[in-house]
């Protein structure tokens, strides 16, 4: 299950938000995995890549629902201060929202 702030749910449901940046000790998702986003539905994981937070560009930030990489990094710092301090790895999870009938399978 992937949890998101309520403000991101409309963008996920519309297909505008197709990725998320997560800080984990180790990779928690794999390509092809089906997962659930409460308030949006089932997703299929398209890619999971380890990335460098300071290497993200504005183009990287847009599919995540942010106008700029700086805005994305600020949100990550706000959401994950302990994980950043502990040296967790940064992962980009690219996903596709599944049609309702496919999500029930």
PDB file of N, CA and C in Angstrom:
ATOM      1  N   UNK A   1       0.846  -1.172   0.000  1.00  0.00           N
ATOM      2  CA  UNK A   1       0.000   0.000   0.000  1.00  0.00           C
ATOM      3  C   UNK A   1       0.894   1.238   0.000  1.00  0.00           C
ATOM      4  N   UNK A   2       0.519   2.213  -0.790  1.00  0.00           N
ATOM      5  CA  UNK A   2       1.201   3.503  -0.801  1.00  0.00           C
ATOM      6  C   UNK A   2       0.232   4.548  -0.262  1.00  0.00           C
ATOM      7  N   UNK A   3       0.675   5.311   0.696  1.00  0.00           N
ATOM      8  CA  UNK A   3      -0.158   6.364   1.275  1.00  0.00           C
ATOM      9  C   UNK A   3       0.267   7.714   0.712  1.00  0.00           C
ATOM     10  N   UNK A   4      -0.725   8.567   0.452  1.00  0.00           N
ATOM     11  CA  UNK A   4      -0.486   9.899  -0.079  1.00  0.00           C
ATOM     12  C   UNK A   4      -1.310  10.912   0.706  1.00  0.00           C
ATOM     13  N   UNK A   5      -0.843  12.147   0.720  1.00  0.00           N
ATOM     14  CA  UNK A   5      -1.628  13.246   1.278  1.00  0.00           C
ATOM     15  C   UNK A   5      -2.875  13.407   0.406  1.00  0.00           C
ATOM     16  N   UNK A   6      -3.986  13.797   1.031  1.00  0.00           N
ATOM     17  CA  UNK A   6      -5.249  13.930   0.294  1.00  0.00           C
ATOM     18  C   UNK A   6      -5.152  14.877  -0.895  1.00  0.00           C
ATOM     19  N   UNK A   7      -4.306  15.883  -0.803  1.00  0.00           N
ATOM     20  CA  UNK A   7      -4.204  16.861  -1.890  1.00  0.00           C
ATOM     21  C   UNK A   7      -3.701  16.240  -3.198  1.00  0.00           C
ATOM     22  N   UNK A   8      -3.024  15.080  -3.116  1.00  0.00           N
ATOM     23  CA  UNK A   8      -2.501  14.437  -4.317  1.00  0.00           C
ATOM     24  C   UNK A   8      -3.493  13.475  -4.966  1.00  0.00           C
ATOM     25  N   UNK A   9      -4.532  13.082  -4.263  1.00  0.00           N
ATOM     26  CA  UNK A   9      -5.449  12.061  -4.780  1.00  0.00           C
ATOM     27  C   UNK A   9      -6.126  12.439  -6.092  1.00  0.00           C
ATOM     28  N   UNK A  10      -6.636  13.675  -6.255  1.00  0.00           N
ATOM     29  CA  UNK A  10      -7.244  14.009  -7.553  1.00  0.00           C
ATOM     30  C   UNK A  10      -6.261  13.871  -8.722  1.00  0.00           C
ATOM     31  N   UNK A  11      -4.999  14.257  -8.515  1.00  0.00           N
ATOM     32  CA  UNK A  11      -3.999  14.151  -9.583  1.00  0.00           C
ATOM     33  C   UNK A  11      -3.675  12.690  -9.885  1.00  0.00           C
ATOM     34  N   UNK A  12      -3.698  11.844  -8.870  1.00  0.00           N
ATOM     35  CA  UNK A  12      -3.476  10.409  -9.104  1.00  0.00           C
ATOM     36  C   UNK A  12      -4.650   9.827  -9.881  1.00  0.00           C
ATOM     37  N   UNK A  13      -5.864  10.144  -9.452  1.00  0.00           N
ATOM     38  CA  UNK A  13      -7.060   9.619 -10.125  1.00  0.00           C
ATOM     39  C   UNK A  13      -7.151  10.079 -11.574  1.00  0.00           C
ATOM     40  N   UNK A  14      -6.678  11.309 -11.858  1.00  0.00           N
ATOM     41  CA  UNK A  14      -6.750  11.834 -13.223  1.00  0.00           C
ATOM     42  C   UNK A  14      -5.605  11.337 -14.108  1.00  0.00           C
ATOM     43  N   UNK A  15      -4.601  10.706 -13.498  1.00  0.00           N
ATOM     44  CA  UNK A  15      -3.452  10.247 -14.258  1.00  0.00           C
ATOM     45  C   UNK A  15      -2.366  11.289 -14.404  1.00  0.00           C
ATOM     46  N   UNK A  16      -2.540  12.438 -13.775  1.00  0.00           N
ATOM     47  CA  UNK A  16      -1.544  13.508 -13.838  1.00  0.00           C
ATOM     48  C   UNK A  16      -0.320  13.174 -12.974  1.00  0.00           C
ATOM     49  N   UNK A  17      -0.533  12.601 -11.809  1.00  0.00           N
ATOM     50  CA  UNK A  17       0.556  12.206 -10.916  1.00  0.00           C
ATOM     51  C   UNK A  17       0.818  10.723 -11.144  1.00  0.00           C
ATOM     52  N   UNK A  18       2.006  10.421 -11.634  1.00  0.00           N
ATOM     53  CA  UNK A  18       2.334   9.048 -12.012  1.00  0.00           C
ATOM     54  C   UNK A  18       3.592   8.526 -11.326  1.00  0.00           C
ATOM     55  N   UNK A  19       4.078   9.266 -10.360  1.00  0.00           N
ATOM     56  CA  UNK A  19       5.246   8.800  -9.624  1.00  0.00           C
ATOM     57  C   UNK A  19       5.279   9.396  -8.230  1.00  0.00           C
ATOM     58  N   UNK A  20       6.118   8.811  -7.398  1.00  0.00           N
ATOM     59  CA  UNK A  20       6.339   9.316  -6.054  1.00  0.00           C
ATOM     60  C   UNK A  20       7.787   9.063  -5.688  1.00  0.00           C
ATOM     61  N   UNK A  21       8.335   9.953  -4.888  1.00  0.00           N
ATOM     62  CA  UNK A  21       9.683   9.786  -4.370  1.00  0.00           C
ATOM     63  C   UNK A  21       9.538   9.339  -2.920  1.00  0.00           C
ATOM     64  N   UNK A  22      10.209   8.238  -2.580  1.00  0.00           N
ATOM     65  CA  UNK A  22      10.127   7.688  -1.226  1.00  0.00           C
ATOM     66  C   UNK A  22      11.521   7.469  -0.668  1.00  0.00           C
ATOM     67  N   UNK A  23      11.660   7.641   0.639  1.00  0.00           N
ATOM     68  CA  UNK A  23      12.905   7.348   1.332  1.00  0.00           C
ATOM     69  C   UNK A  23      12.732   6.069   2.120  1.00  0.00           C
ATOM     70  N   UNK A  24      13.521   5.066   1.778  1.00  0.00           N
ATOM     71  CA  UNK A  24      13.446   3.755   2.401  1.00  0.00           C
ATOM     72  C   UNK A  24      14.856   3.266   2.721  1.00  0.00           C
ATOM     73  N   UNK A  25      14.972   2.395   3.719  1.00  0.00           N
ATOM     74  CA  UNK A  25      16.261   1.755   4.004  1.00  0.00           C
ATOM     75  C   UNK A  25      16.657   0.855   2.843  1.00  0.00           C
ATOM     76  N   UNK A  26      15.653   0.199   2.263  1.00  0.00           N
ATOM     77  CA  UNK A  26      15.866  -0.683   1.120  1.00  0.00           C
ATOM     78  C   UNK A  26      14.621  -0.653   0.255  1.00  0.00           C
ATOM     79  N   UNK A  27      14.767  -1.091  -0.975  1.00  0.00           N
ATOM     80  CA  UNK A  27      13.651  -1.084  -1.937  1.00  0.00           C
ATOM     81  C   UNK A  27      12.468  -1.875  -1.368  1.00  0.00           C
ATOM     82  N   UNK A  28      11.281  -1.273  -1.368  1.00  0.00           N
ATOM     83  CA  UNK A  28      10.087  -1.926  -0.832  1.00  0.00           C
ATOM     84  C   UNK A  28       9.101  -2.375  -1.896  1.00  0.00           C
ATOM     85  N   UNK A  29       9.332  -1.970  -3.127  1.00  0.00           N
ATOM     86  CA  UNK A  29       8.410  -2.322  -4.206  1.00  0.00           C
ATOM     87  C   UNK A  29       9.214  -2.845  -5.381  1.00  0.00           C
ATOM     88  N   UNK A  30       8.540  -3.587  -6.255  1.00  0.00           N
ATOM     89  CA  UNK A  30       9.205  -4.121  -7.439  1.00  0.00           C
ATOM     90  C   UNK A  30       8.347  -3.857  -8.682  1.00  0.00           C
ATOM     91  N   UNK A  31       9.008  -3.849  -9.813  1.00  0.00           N
ATOM     92  CA  UNK A  31       8.336  -3.643 -11.095  1.00  0.00           C
ATOM     93  C   UNK A  31       7.301  -4.744 -11.296  1.00  0.00           C
ATOM     94  N   UNK A  32       6.121  -4.349 -11.744  1.00  0.00           N
ATOM     95  CA  UNK A  32       5.042  -5.299 -12.008  1.00  0.00           C
ATOM     96  C   UNK A  32       4.128  -5.520 -10.816  1.00  0.00           C
ATOM     97  N   UNK A  33       4.558  -5.094  -9.653  1.00  0.00           N
ATOM     98  CA  UNK A  33       3.762  -5.278  -8.436  1.00  0.00           C
ATOM     99  C   UNK A  33       2.470  -4.466  -8.520  1.00  0.00           C
ATOM    100  N   UNK A  34       1.413  -5.057  -7.992  1.00  0.00           N
ATOM    101  CA  UNK A  34       0.148  -4.351  -7.857  1.00  0.00           C
ATOM    102  C   UNK A  34       0.078  -3.857  -6.422  1.00  0.00           C
ATOM    103  N   UNK A  35      -0.345  -2.614  -6.243  1.00  0.00           N
ATOM    104  CA  UNK A  35      -0.459  -2.046  -4.906  1.00  0.00           C
ATOM    105  C   UNK A  35      -1.738  -1.220  -4.850  1.00  0.00           C
ATOM    106  N   UNK A  36      -2.029  -0.712  -3.682  1.00  0.00           N
ATOM    107  CA  UNK A  36      -3.281   0.029  -3.474  1.00  0.00           C
ATOM    108  C   UNK A  36      -2.973   1.399  -2.893  1.00  0.00           C
ATOM    109  N   UNK A  37      -3.658   2.417  -3.412  1.00  0.00           N
ATOM    110  CA  UNK A  37      -3.597   3.774  -2.881  1.00  0.00           C
ATOM    111  C   UNK A  37      -4.986   4.106  -2.354  1.00  0.00           C
ATOM    112  N   UNK A  38      -5.147   4.184  -1.016  1.00  0.00           N
ATOM    113  CA  UNK A  38      -6.460   4.536  -0.469  1.00  0.00           C
ATOM    114  C   UNK A  38      -6.938   5.879  -1.032  1.00  0.00           C
ATOM    115  N   UNK A  39      -8.166   5.888  -1.505  1.00  0.00           N
ATOM    116  CA  UNK A  39      -8.741   7.101  -2.083  1.00  0.00           C
ATOM    117  C   UNK A  39      -8.520   7.238  -3.575  1.00  0.00           C
ATOM    118  N   UNK A  40      -7.698   6.356  -4.158  1.00  0.00           N
ATOM    119  CA  UNK A  40      -7.439   6.424  -5.600  1.00  0.00           C
ATOM    120  C   UNK A  40      -7.701   5.091  -6.276  1.00  0.00           C
ATOM    121  N   UNK A  41      -7.234   4.001  -5.689  1.00  0.00           N
ATOM    122  CA  UNK A  41      -7.458   2.686  -6.275  1.00  0.00           C
ATOM    123  C   UNK A  41      -6.184   1.893  -6.396  1.00  0.00           C
ATOM    124  N   UNK A  42      -6.243   0.853  -7.220  1.00  0.00           N
ATOM    125  CA  UNK A  42      -5.102  -0.024  -7.416  1.00  0.00           C
ATOM    126  C   UNK A  42      -4.170   0.544  -8.486  1.00  0.00           C
ATOM    127  N   UNK A  43      -2.888   0.280  -8.300  1.00  0.00           N
ATOM    128  CA  UNK A  43      -1.877   0.713  -9.257  1.00  0.00           C
ATOM    129  C   UNK A  43      -1.014  -0.474  -9.655  1.00  0.00           C
ATOM    130  N   UNK A  44      -0.329  -0.335 -10.771  1.00  0.00           N
ATOM    131  CA  UNK A  44       0.715  -1.266 -11.184  1.00  0.00           C
ATOM    132  C   UNK A  44       2.020  -0.475 -11.160  1.00  0.00           C
ATOM    133  N   UNK A  45       3.052  -1.016 -10.519  1.00  0.00           N
ATOM    134  CA  UNK A  45       4.352  -0.365 -10.445  1.00  0.00           C
ATOM    135  C   UNK A  45       5.080  -0.595 -11.775  1.00  0.00           C
ATOM    136  N   UNK A  46       5.460   0.497 -12.421  1.00  0.00           N
ATOM    137  CA  UNK A  46       6.112   0.467 -13.722  1.00  0.00           C
ATOM    138  C   UNK A  46       7.636   0.461 -13.572  1.00  0.00           C
ATOM    139  N   UNK A  47       8.144   1.212 -12.592  1.00  0.00           N
ATOM    140  CA  UNK A  47       9.590   1.298 -12.377  1.00  0.00           C
ATOM    141  C   UNK A  47       9.863   1.682 -10.930  1.00  0.00           C
ATOM    142  N   UNK A  48      10.968   1.183 -10.412  1.00  0.00           N
ATOM    143  CA  UNK A  48      11.464   1.572  -9.096  1.00  0.00           C
ATOM    144  C   UNK A  48      12.959   1.771  -9.255  1.00  0.00           C
ATOM    145  N   UNK A  49      13.394   3.024  -9.149  1.00  0.00           N
ATOM    146  CA  UNK A  49      14.797   3.337  -9.360  1.00  0.00           C
ATOM    147  C   UNK A  49      15.346   4.120  -8.186  1.00  0.00           C
ATOM    148  N   UNK A  50      16.553   3.768  -7.761  1.00  0.00           N
ATOM    149  CA  UNK A  50      17.219   4.569  -6.748  1.00  0.00           C
ATOM    150  C   UNK A  50      17.735   5.825  -7.443  1.00  0.00           C
ATOM    151  N   UNK A  51      17.491   6.982  -6.843  1.00  0.00           N
ATOM    152  CA  UNK A  51      17.898   8.263  -7.409  1.00  0.00           C
ATOM    153  C   UNK A  51      18.627   9.074  -6.339  1.00  0.00           C
ATOM    154  N   UNK A  52      19.333  10.074  -6.791  1.00  0.00           N
ATOM    155  CA  UNK A  52      19.987  11.007  -5.877  1.00  0.00           C
ATOM    156  C   UNK A  52      19.080  12.223  -5.738  1.00  0.00           C
ATOM    157  N   UNK A  53      18.718  12.539  -4.508  1.00  0.00           N
ATOM    158  CA  UNK A  53      17.787  13.636  -4.251  1.00  0.00           C
ATOM    159  C   UNK A  53      18.291  14.947  -4.848  1.00  0.00           C
ATOM    160  N   UNK A  54      19.580  15.225  -4.692  1.00  0.00           N
ATOM    161  CA  UNK A  54      20.111  16.490  -5.209  1.00  0.00           C
ATOM    162  C   UNK A  54      20.274  16.476  -6.730  1.00  0.00           C
ATOM    163  N   UNK A  55      20.128  15.309  -7.356  1.00  0.00           N
ATOM    164  CA  UNK A  55      20.227  15.206  -8.804  1.00  0.00           C
ATOM    165  C   UNK A  55      18.899  15.319  -9.527  1.00  0.00           C
ATOM    166  N   UNK A  56      17.793  15.407  -8.794  1.00  0.00           N
ATOM    167  CA  UNK A  56      16.471  15.514  -9.430  1.00  0.00           C
ATOM    168  C   UNK A  56      16.317  16.858 -10.133  1.00  0.00           C
ATOM    169  N   UNK A  57      15.693  16.825 -11.303  1.00  0.00           N
ATOM    170  CA  UNK A  57      15.471  18.036 -12.088  1.00  0.00           C
ATOM    171  C   UNK A  57      14.000  18.454 -12.014  1.00  0.00           C
ATOM    172  N   UNK A  58      13.715  19.619 -12.556  1.00  0.00           N
ATOM    173  CA  UNK A  58      12.325  20.080 -12.615  1.00  0.00           C
ATOM    174  C   UNK A  58      11.477  19.098 -13.418  1.00  0.00           C
ATOM    175  N   UNK A  59      12.055  18.518 -14.471  1.00  0.00           N
ATOM    176  CA  UNK A  59      11.309  17.534 -15.275  1.00  0.00           C
ATOM    177  C   UNK A  59      11.013  16.277 -14.469  1.00  0.00           C
ATOM    178  N   UNK A  60      11.906  15.910 -13.550  1.00  0.00           N
ATOM    179  CA  UNK A  60      11.665  14.769 -12.658  1.00  0.00           C
ATOM    180  C   UNK A  60      10.532  15.070 -11.688  1.00  0.00           C
ATOM    181  N   UNK A  61      10.393  16.324 -11.291  1.00  0.00           N
ATOM    182  CA  UNK A  61       9.419  16.716 -10.269  1.00  0.00           C
ATOM    183  C   UNK A  61       7.989  16.781 -10.798  1.00  0.00           C
ATOM    184  N   UNK A  62       7.797  17.106 -12.051  1.00  0.00           N
ATOM    185  CA  UNK A  62       6.442  17.317 -12.588  1.00  0.00           C
ATOM    186  C   UNK A  62       5.540  16.085 -12.522  1.00  0.00           C
ATOM    187  N   UNK A  63       5.998  14.875 -12.885  1.00  0.00           N
ATOM    188  CA  UNK A  63       5.112  13.703 -12.762  1.00  0.00           C
ATOM    189  C   UNK A  63       4.789  13.362 -11.305  1.00  0.00           C
ATOM    190  N   UNK A  64       5.509  14.005 -10.385  1.00  0.00           N
ATOM    191  CA  UNK A  64       5.279  13.803  -8.959  1.00  0.00           C
ATOM    192  C   UNK A  64       4.308  14.851  -8.408  1.00  0.00           C
ATOM    193  N   UNK A  65       3.882  15.791  -9.262  1.00  0.00           N
ATOM    194  CA  UNK A  65       2.914  16.801  -8.840  1.00  0.00           C
ATOM    195  C   UNK A  65       3.528  18.104  -8.352  1.00  0.00           C
ATOM    196  N   UNK A  66       4.805  18.325  -8.667  1.00  0.00           N
ATOM    197  CA  UNK A  66       5.492  19.539  -8.236  1.00  0.00           C
ATOM    198  C   UNK A  66       5.982  20.307  -9.455  1.00  0.00           C
ATOM    199  N   UNK A  67       6.028  21.634  -9.330  1.00  0.00           N
ATOM    200  CA  UNK A  67       6.481  22.486 -10.431  1.00  0.00           C
ATOM    201  C   UNK A  67       7.993  22.464 -10.592  1.00  0.00           C
ATOM    202  N   UNK A  68       8.710  22.244  -9.486  1.00  0.00           N
ATOM    203  CA  UNK A  68      10.170  22.301  -9.558  1.00  0.00           C
ATOM    204  C   UNK A  68      10.784  21.248  -8.638  1.00  0.00           C
ATOM    205  N   UNK A  69      12.045  20.937  -8.923  1.00  0.00           N
ATOM    206  CA  UNK A  69      12.781  19.995  -8.078  1.00  0.00           C
ATOM    207  C   UNK A  69      12.984  20.573  -6.686  1.00  0.00           C
ATOM    208  N   UNK A  70      13.185  21.875  -6.596  1.00  0.00           N
ATOM    209  CA  UNK A  70      13.351  22.508  -5.279  1.00  0.00           C
ATOM    210  C   UNK A  70      12.093  22.345  -4.432  1.00  0.00           C
ATOM    211  N   UNK A  71      10.932  22.520  -5.057  1.00  0.00           N
ATOM    212  CA  UNK A  71       9.662  22.335  -4.348  1.00  0.00           C
ATOM    213  C   UNK A  71       9.516  20.885  -3.878  1.00  0.00           C
ATOM    214  N   UNK A  72       9.877  19.942  -4.728  1.00  0.00           N
ATOM    215  CA  UNK A  72       9.826  18.527  -4.375  1.00  0.00           C
ATOM    216  C   UNK A  72      10.772  18.218  -3.222  1.00  0.00           C
ATOM    217  N   UNK A  73      12.007  18.711  -3.311  1.00  0.00           N
ATOM    218  CA  UNK A  73      12.986  18.472  -2.241  1.00  0.00           C
ATOM    219  C   UNK A  73      12.526  19.079  -0.915  1.00  0.00           C
ATOM    220  N   UNK A  74      11.900  20.243  -0.964  1.00  0.00           N
ATOM    221  CA  UNK A  74      11.384  20.876   0.258  1.00  0.00           C
ATOM    222  C   UNK A  74      10.302  20.020   0.901  1.00  0.00           C
ATOM    223  N   UNK A  75       9.417  19.462   0.082  1.00  0.00           N
ATOM    224  CA  UNK A  75       8.352  18.597   0.601  1.00  0.00           C
ATOM    225  C   UNK A  75       8.935  17.315   1.200  1.00  0.00           C
ATOM    226  N   UNK A  76       9.922  16.755   0.548  1.00  0.00           N
ATOM    227  CA  UNK A  76      10.570  15.548   1.069  1.00  0.00           C
ATOM    228  C   UNK A  76      11.242  15.843   2.403  1.00  0.00           C
ATOM    229  N   UNK A  77      11.911  16.982   2.497  1.00  0.00           N
ATOM    230  CA  UNK A  77      12.568  17.365   3.761  1.00  0.00           C
ATOM    231  C   UNK A  77      11.543  17.541   4.865  1.00  0.00           C
ATOM    232  N   UNK A  78      10.361  18.055   4.525  1.00  0.00           N
ATOM    233  CA  UNK A  78       9.305  18.250   5.511  1.00  0.00           C
ATOM    234  C   UNK A  78       8.700  16.918   5.955  1.00  0.00           C
ATOM    235  N   UNK A  79       8.502  16.007   5.001  1.00  0.00           N
ATOM    236  CA  UNK A  79       7.860  14.726   5.295  1.00  0.00           C
ATOM    237  C   UNK A  79       8.801  13.696   5.914  1.00  0.00           C
ATOM    238  N   UNK A  80      10.064  13.736   5.541  1.00  0.00           N
ATOM    239  CA  UNK A  80      10.998  12.670   5.913  1.00  0.00           C
ATOM    240  C   UNK A  80      12.253  13.168   6.641  1.00  0.00           C
ATOM    241  N   UNK A  81      12.163  14.061   7.606  1.00  0.00           N
ATOM    242  CA  UNK A  81      13.396  14.577   8.238  1.00  0.00           C
ATOM    243  C   UNK A  81      14.224  13.486   8.923  1.00  0.00           C
ATOM    244  N   UNK A  82      13.581  12.569   9.613  1.00  0.00           N
ATOM    245  CA  UNK A  82      14.315  11.506  10.309  1.00  0.00           C
ATOM    246  C   UNK A  82      14.999  10.570   9.321  1.00  0.00           C
ATOM    247  N   UNK A  83      14.305  10.253   8.226  1.00  0.00           N
ATOM    248  CA  UNK A  83      14.875   9.355   7.229  1.00  0.00           C
ATOM    249  C   UNK A  83      16.078  10.010   6.534  1.00  0.00           C
ATOM    250  N   UNK A  84      15.981  11.320   6.275  1.00  0.00           N
ATOM    251  CA  UNK A  84      17.105  12.025   5.662  1.00  0.00           C
ATOM    252  C   UNK A  84      18.307  12.011   6.599  1.00  0.00           C
ATOM    253  N   UNK A  85      18.068  12.293   7.866  1.00  0.00           N
ATOM    254  CA  UNK A  85      19.155  12.293   8.854  1.00  0.00           C
ATOM    255  C   UNK A  85      19.780  10.914   9.009  1.00  0.00           C
ATOM    256  N   UNK A  86      18.962   9.862   8.862  1.00  0.00           N
ATOM    257  CA  UNK A  86      19.447   8.492   9.027  1.00  0.00           C
ATOM    258  C   UNK A  86      20.108   7.942   7.756  1.00  0.00           C
ATOM    259  N   UNK A  87      20.103   8.720   6.671  1.00  0.00           N
ATOM    260  CA  UNK A  87      20.763   8.291   5.445  1.00  0.00           C
ATOM    261  C   UNK A  87      19.994   7.281   4.613  1.00  0.00           C
ATOM    262  N   UNK A  88      18.670   7.288   4.735  1.00  0.00           N
ATOM    263  CA  UNK A  88      17.858   6.385   3.922  1.00  0.00           C
ATOM    264  C   UNK A  88      18.099   6.669   2.443  1.00  0.00           C
ATOM    265  N   UNK A  89      17.867   5.659   1.622  1.00  0.00           N
ATOM    266  CA  UNK A  89      18.008   5.795   0.177  1.00  0.00           C
ATOM    267  C   UNK A  89      16.755   6.434  -0.416  1.00  0.00           C
ATOM    268  N   UNK A  90      16.938   7.089  -1.546  1.00  0.00           N
ATOM    269  CA  UNK A  90      15.841   7.766  -2.240  1.00  0.00           C
ATOM    270  C   UNK A  90      15.444   6.940  -3.459  1.00  0.00           C
ATOM    271  N   UNK A  91      14.146   6.618  -3.536  1.00  0.00           N
ATOM    272  CA  UNK A  91      13.623   5.818  -4.654  1.00  0.00           C
ATOM    273  C   UNK A  91      12.510   6.573  -5.375  1.00  0.00           C
ATOM    274  N   UNK A  92      12.545   6.469  -6.700  1.00  0.00           N
ATOM    275  CA  UNK A  92      11.447   6.987  -7.526  1.00  0.00           C
ATOM    276  C   UNK A  92      10.596   5.786  -7.913  1.00  0.00           C
ATOM    277  N   UNK A  93       9.308   5.843  -7.564  1.00  0.00           N
ATOM    278  CA  UNK A  93       8.365   4.783  -7.899  1.00  0.00           C
ATOM    279  C   UNK A  93       7.425   5.336  -8.973  1.00  0.00           C
ATOM    280  N   UNK A  94       7.482   4.766 -10.157  1.00  0.00           N
ATOM    281  CA  UNK A  94       6.603   5.156 -11.264  1.00  0.00           C
ATOM    282  C   UNK A  94       5.467   4.151 -11.302  1.00  0.00           C
ATOM    283  N   UNK A  95       4.243   4.661 -11.408  1.00  0.00           N
ATOM    284  CA  UNK A  95       3.087   3.773 -11.350  1.00  0.00           C
ATOM    285  C   UNK A  95       2.025   4.185 -12.347  1.00  0.00           C
ATOM    286  N   UNK A  96       1.111   3.249 -12.592  1.00  0.00           N
ATOM    287  CA  UNK A  96      -0.041   3.482 -13.474  1.00  0.00           C
ATOM    288  C   UNK A  96      -1.286   3.071 -12.706  1.00  0.00           C
ATOM    289  N   UNK A  97      -2.252   3.951 -12.662  1.00  0.00           N
ATOM    290  CA  UNK A  97      -3.528   3.635 -12.022  1.00  0.00           C
ATOM    291  C   UNK A  97      -4.257   2.613 -12.880  1.00  0.00           C
ATOM    292  N   UNK A  98      -4.719   1.552 -12.245  1.00  0.00           N
ATOM    293  CA  UNK A  98      -5.421   0.490 -12.977  1.00  0.00           C
ATOM    294  C   UNK A  98      -6.905   0.802 -13.093  1.00  0.00           C
ATOM    295  N   UNK A  99      -7.525   0.371 -14.201  1.00  0.00           N
ATOM    296  CA  UNK A  99      -8.986   0.496 -14.282  1.00  0.00           C
ATOM    297  C   UNK A  99      -9.629  -0.258 -13.133  1.00  0.00           C
ATOM    298  N   UNK A 100     -10.765   0.177 -12.686  1.00  0.00           N
ATOM    299  CA  UNK A 100     -11.435  -0.415 -11.523  1.00  0.00           C
ATOM    300  C   UNK A 100     -11.580  -1.909 -11.676  1.00  0.00           C
ATOM    301  N   UNK A 101     -12.026  -2.399 -12.829  1.00  0.00           N
ATOM    302  CA  UNK A 101     -12.249  -3.834 -13.007  1.00  0.00           C
ATOM    303  C   UNK A 101     -10.943  -4.617 -12.936  1.00  0.00           C
ATOM    304  N   UNK A 102      -9.837  -4.055 -13.402  1.00  0.00           N
ATOM    305  CA  UNK A 102      -8.542  -4.744 -13.334  1.00  0.00           C
ATOM    306  C   UNK A 102      -8.001  -4.721 -11.910  1.00  0.00           C
ATOM    307  N   UNK A 103      -8.269  -3.667 -11.174  1.00  0.00           N
ATOM    308  CA  UNK A 103      -7.797  -3.561  -9.798  1.00  0.00           C
ATOM    309  C   UNK A 103      -8.430  -4.588  -8.867  1.00  0.00           C
ATOM    310  N   UNK A 104      -9.613  -5.097  -9.223  1.00  0.00           N
ATOM    311  CA  UNK A 104     -10.318  -6.069  -8.368  1.00  0.00           C
ATOM    312  C   UNK A 104      -9.767  -7.479  -8.517  1.00  0.00           C
ATOM    313  N   UNK A 105      -8.974  -7.721  -9.553  1.00  0.00           N
ATOM    314  CA  UNK A 105      -8.448  -9.076  -9.818  1.00  0.00           C
ATOM    315  C   UNK A 105      -7.399  -9.467  -8.800  1.00  0.00           C
TER     316      UNK A 105
END
